[in-house]
Every structure is written in C-alpha cells, then in structure tokens.
Amino acid sequence: MTPGAGLLRELMARGQDLNWGQFAIALINGIVYFAIGFFLFHKAEQLAKRRGRIGGY
C-alpha cells in the first residue's frame, strides 16, 4: 500500500507530475494485494462451509 500512498502524496500535496514507473509499481502492488485477499477469502469460505458454519449464499 505504500507505493500508492506515496504516489498520491506527490501528486496532490506536492503538485508533481505523474511518474509512470511509480504508477506501474503502485498498480501491480494493488493487484497483488487484491489477489492475495481474494485467495485467502476463498479459502476461508471453503473452510467455513466444510465445517458447516456458513450456508451457500
């Protein structure tokens, strides 16, 4: 999350131009965090269903 926050700070607070390299790093970082979160949620959902603690919604 740090690359995205740093990029926003430079754009909004300091008025600097968009650095496409930093933007690419922030985008990839966000995609990786999303994929990991989605994977962990899916595994937790499967475990909860297997244990009978959640129904199929």
C-alpha atoms as a PDB file:
ATOM      1  CA  MET A   1       0.000   0.000   0.000  1.00  0.00           C
ATOM      2  CA  THR A   2       2.956   2.301   0.493  1.00  0.00           C
ATOM      3  CA  PRO A   3       3.698   2.920  -3.220  1.00  0.00           C
ATOM      4  CA  GLY A   4       0.138   4.095  -3.843  1.00  0.00           C
ATOM      5  CA  ALA A   5       0.100   6.395  -0.830  1.00  0.00           C
ATOM      6  CA  GLY A   6       3.448   7.895  -1.767  1.00  0.00           C
ATOM      7  CA  LEU A   7       2.316   8.476  -5.332  1.00  0.00           C
ATOM      8  CA  LEU A   8      -0.878  10.216  -4.196  1.00  0.00           C
ATOM      9  CA  ARG A   9       1.088  12.397  -1.785  1.00  0.00           C
ATOM     10  CA  GLU A  10       3.422  13.511  -4.567  1.00  0.00           C
ATOM     11  CA  LEU A  11       0.535  14.234  -6.930  1.00  0.00           C
ATOM     12  CA  MET A  12      -1.821  16.018  -4.568  1.00  0.00           C
ATOM     13  CA  ALA A  13       0.261  17.631  -1.852  1.00  0.00           C
ATOM     14  CA  ARG A  14       3.445  18.434  -3.748  1.00  0.00           C
ATOM     15  CA  GLY A  15       1.903  19.053  -7.156  1.00  0.00           C
ATOM     16  CA  GLN A  16       4.411  16.880  -9.001  1.00  0.00           C
ATOM     17  CA  ASP A  17       3.763  15.235 -12.339  1.00  0.00           C
ATOM     18  CA  LEU A  18       2.676  11.625 -12.618  1.00  0.00           C
ATOM     19  CA  ASN A  19       5.615   9.244 -12.631  1.00  0.00           C
ATOM     20  CA  TRP A  20       4.516   6.311 -14.793  1.00  0.00           C
ATOM     21  CA  GLY A  21       7.092   3.975 -13.262  1.00  0.00           C
ATOM     22  CA  GLN A  22       5.785   4.602  -9.764  1.00  0.00           C
ATOM     23  CA  PHE A  23       2.226   4.312 -11.061  1.00  0.00           C
ATOM     24  CA  ALA A  24       3.001   0.886 -12.528  1.00  0.00           C
ATOM     25  CA  ILE A  25       4.543  -0.264  -9.238  1.00  0.00           C
ATOM     26  CA  ALA A  26       1.527   1.005  -7.271  1.00  0.00           C
ATOM     27  CA  LEU A  27      -0.867  -0.699  -9.698  1.00  0.00           C
ATOM     28  CA  ILE A  28       0.966  -4.022  -9.530  1.00  0.00           C
ATOM     29  CA  ASN A  29       1.123  -3.729  -5.737  1.00  0.00           C
ATOM     30  CA  GLY A  30      -2.640  -3.180  -5.572  1.00  0.00           C
ATOM     31  CA  ILE A  31      -3.343  -6.104  -7.867  1.00  0.00           C
ATOM     32  CA  VAL A  32      -1.129  -8.401  -5.774  1.00  0.00           C
ATOM     33  CA  TYR A  33      -2.817  -7.347  -2.519  1.00  0.00           C
ATOM     34  CA  PHE A  34      -6.256  -7.858  -4.108  1.00  0.00           C
ATOM     35  CA  ALA A  35      -5.312 -11.317  -5.419  1.00  0.00           C
ATOM     36  CA  ILE A  36      -3.921 -12.429  -2.057  1.00  0.00           C
ATOM     37  CA  GLY A  37      -7.007 -11.154  -0.243  1.00  0.00           C
ATOM     38  CA  PHE A  38      -9.339 -12.819  -2.722  1.00  0.00           C
ATOM     39  CA  PHE A  39      -7.460 -16.121  -2.413  1.00  0.00           C
ATOM     40  CA  LEU A  40      -7.479 -16.037   1.407  1.00  0.00           C
ATOM     41  CA  PHE A  41     -11.182 -15.154   1.488  1.00  0.00           C
ATOM     42  CA  HIS A  42     -11.979 -18.028  -0.860  1.00  0.00           C
ATOM     43  CA  LYS A  43     -10.025 -20.484   1.310  1.00  0.00           C
ATOM     44  CA  ALA A  44     -11.685 -19.206   4.497  1.00  0.00           C
ATOM     45  CA  GLU A  45     -15.108 -19.508   2.863  1.00  0.00           C
ATOM     46  CA  GLN A  46     -14.403 -23.101   1.825  1.00  0.00           C
ATOM     47  CA  LEU A  47     -13.244 -23.959   5.334  1.00  0.00           C
ATOM     48  CA  ALA A  48     -16.341 -22.398   6.900  1.00  0.00           C
ATOM     49  CA  LYS A  49     -18.629 -24.284   4.514  1.00  0.00           C
ATOM     50  CA  ARG A  50     -16.821 -27.548   5.201  1.00  0.00           C
ATOM     51  CA  ARG A  51     -17.297 -27.058   8.925  1.00  0.00           C
ATOM     52  CA  GLY A  52     -20.972 -26.226   8.389  1.00  0.00           C
ATOM     53  CA  ARG A  53     -20.730 -22.690   9.727  1.00  0.00           C
ATOM     54  CA  ILE A  54     -21.985 -20.953   6.616  1.00  0.00           C
ATOM     55  CA  GLY A  55     -24.606 -21.788   4.063  1.00  0.00           C
ATOM     56  CA  GLY A  56     -24.384 -21.296   0.325  1.00  0.00           C
ATOM     57  CA  TYR A  57     -25.332 -17.704  -0.392  1.00  0.00           C
END
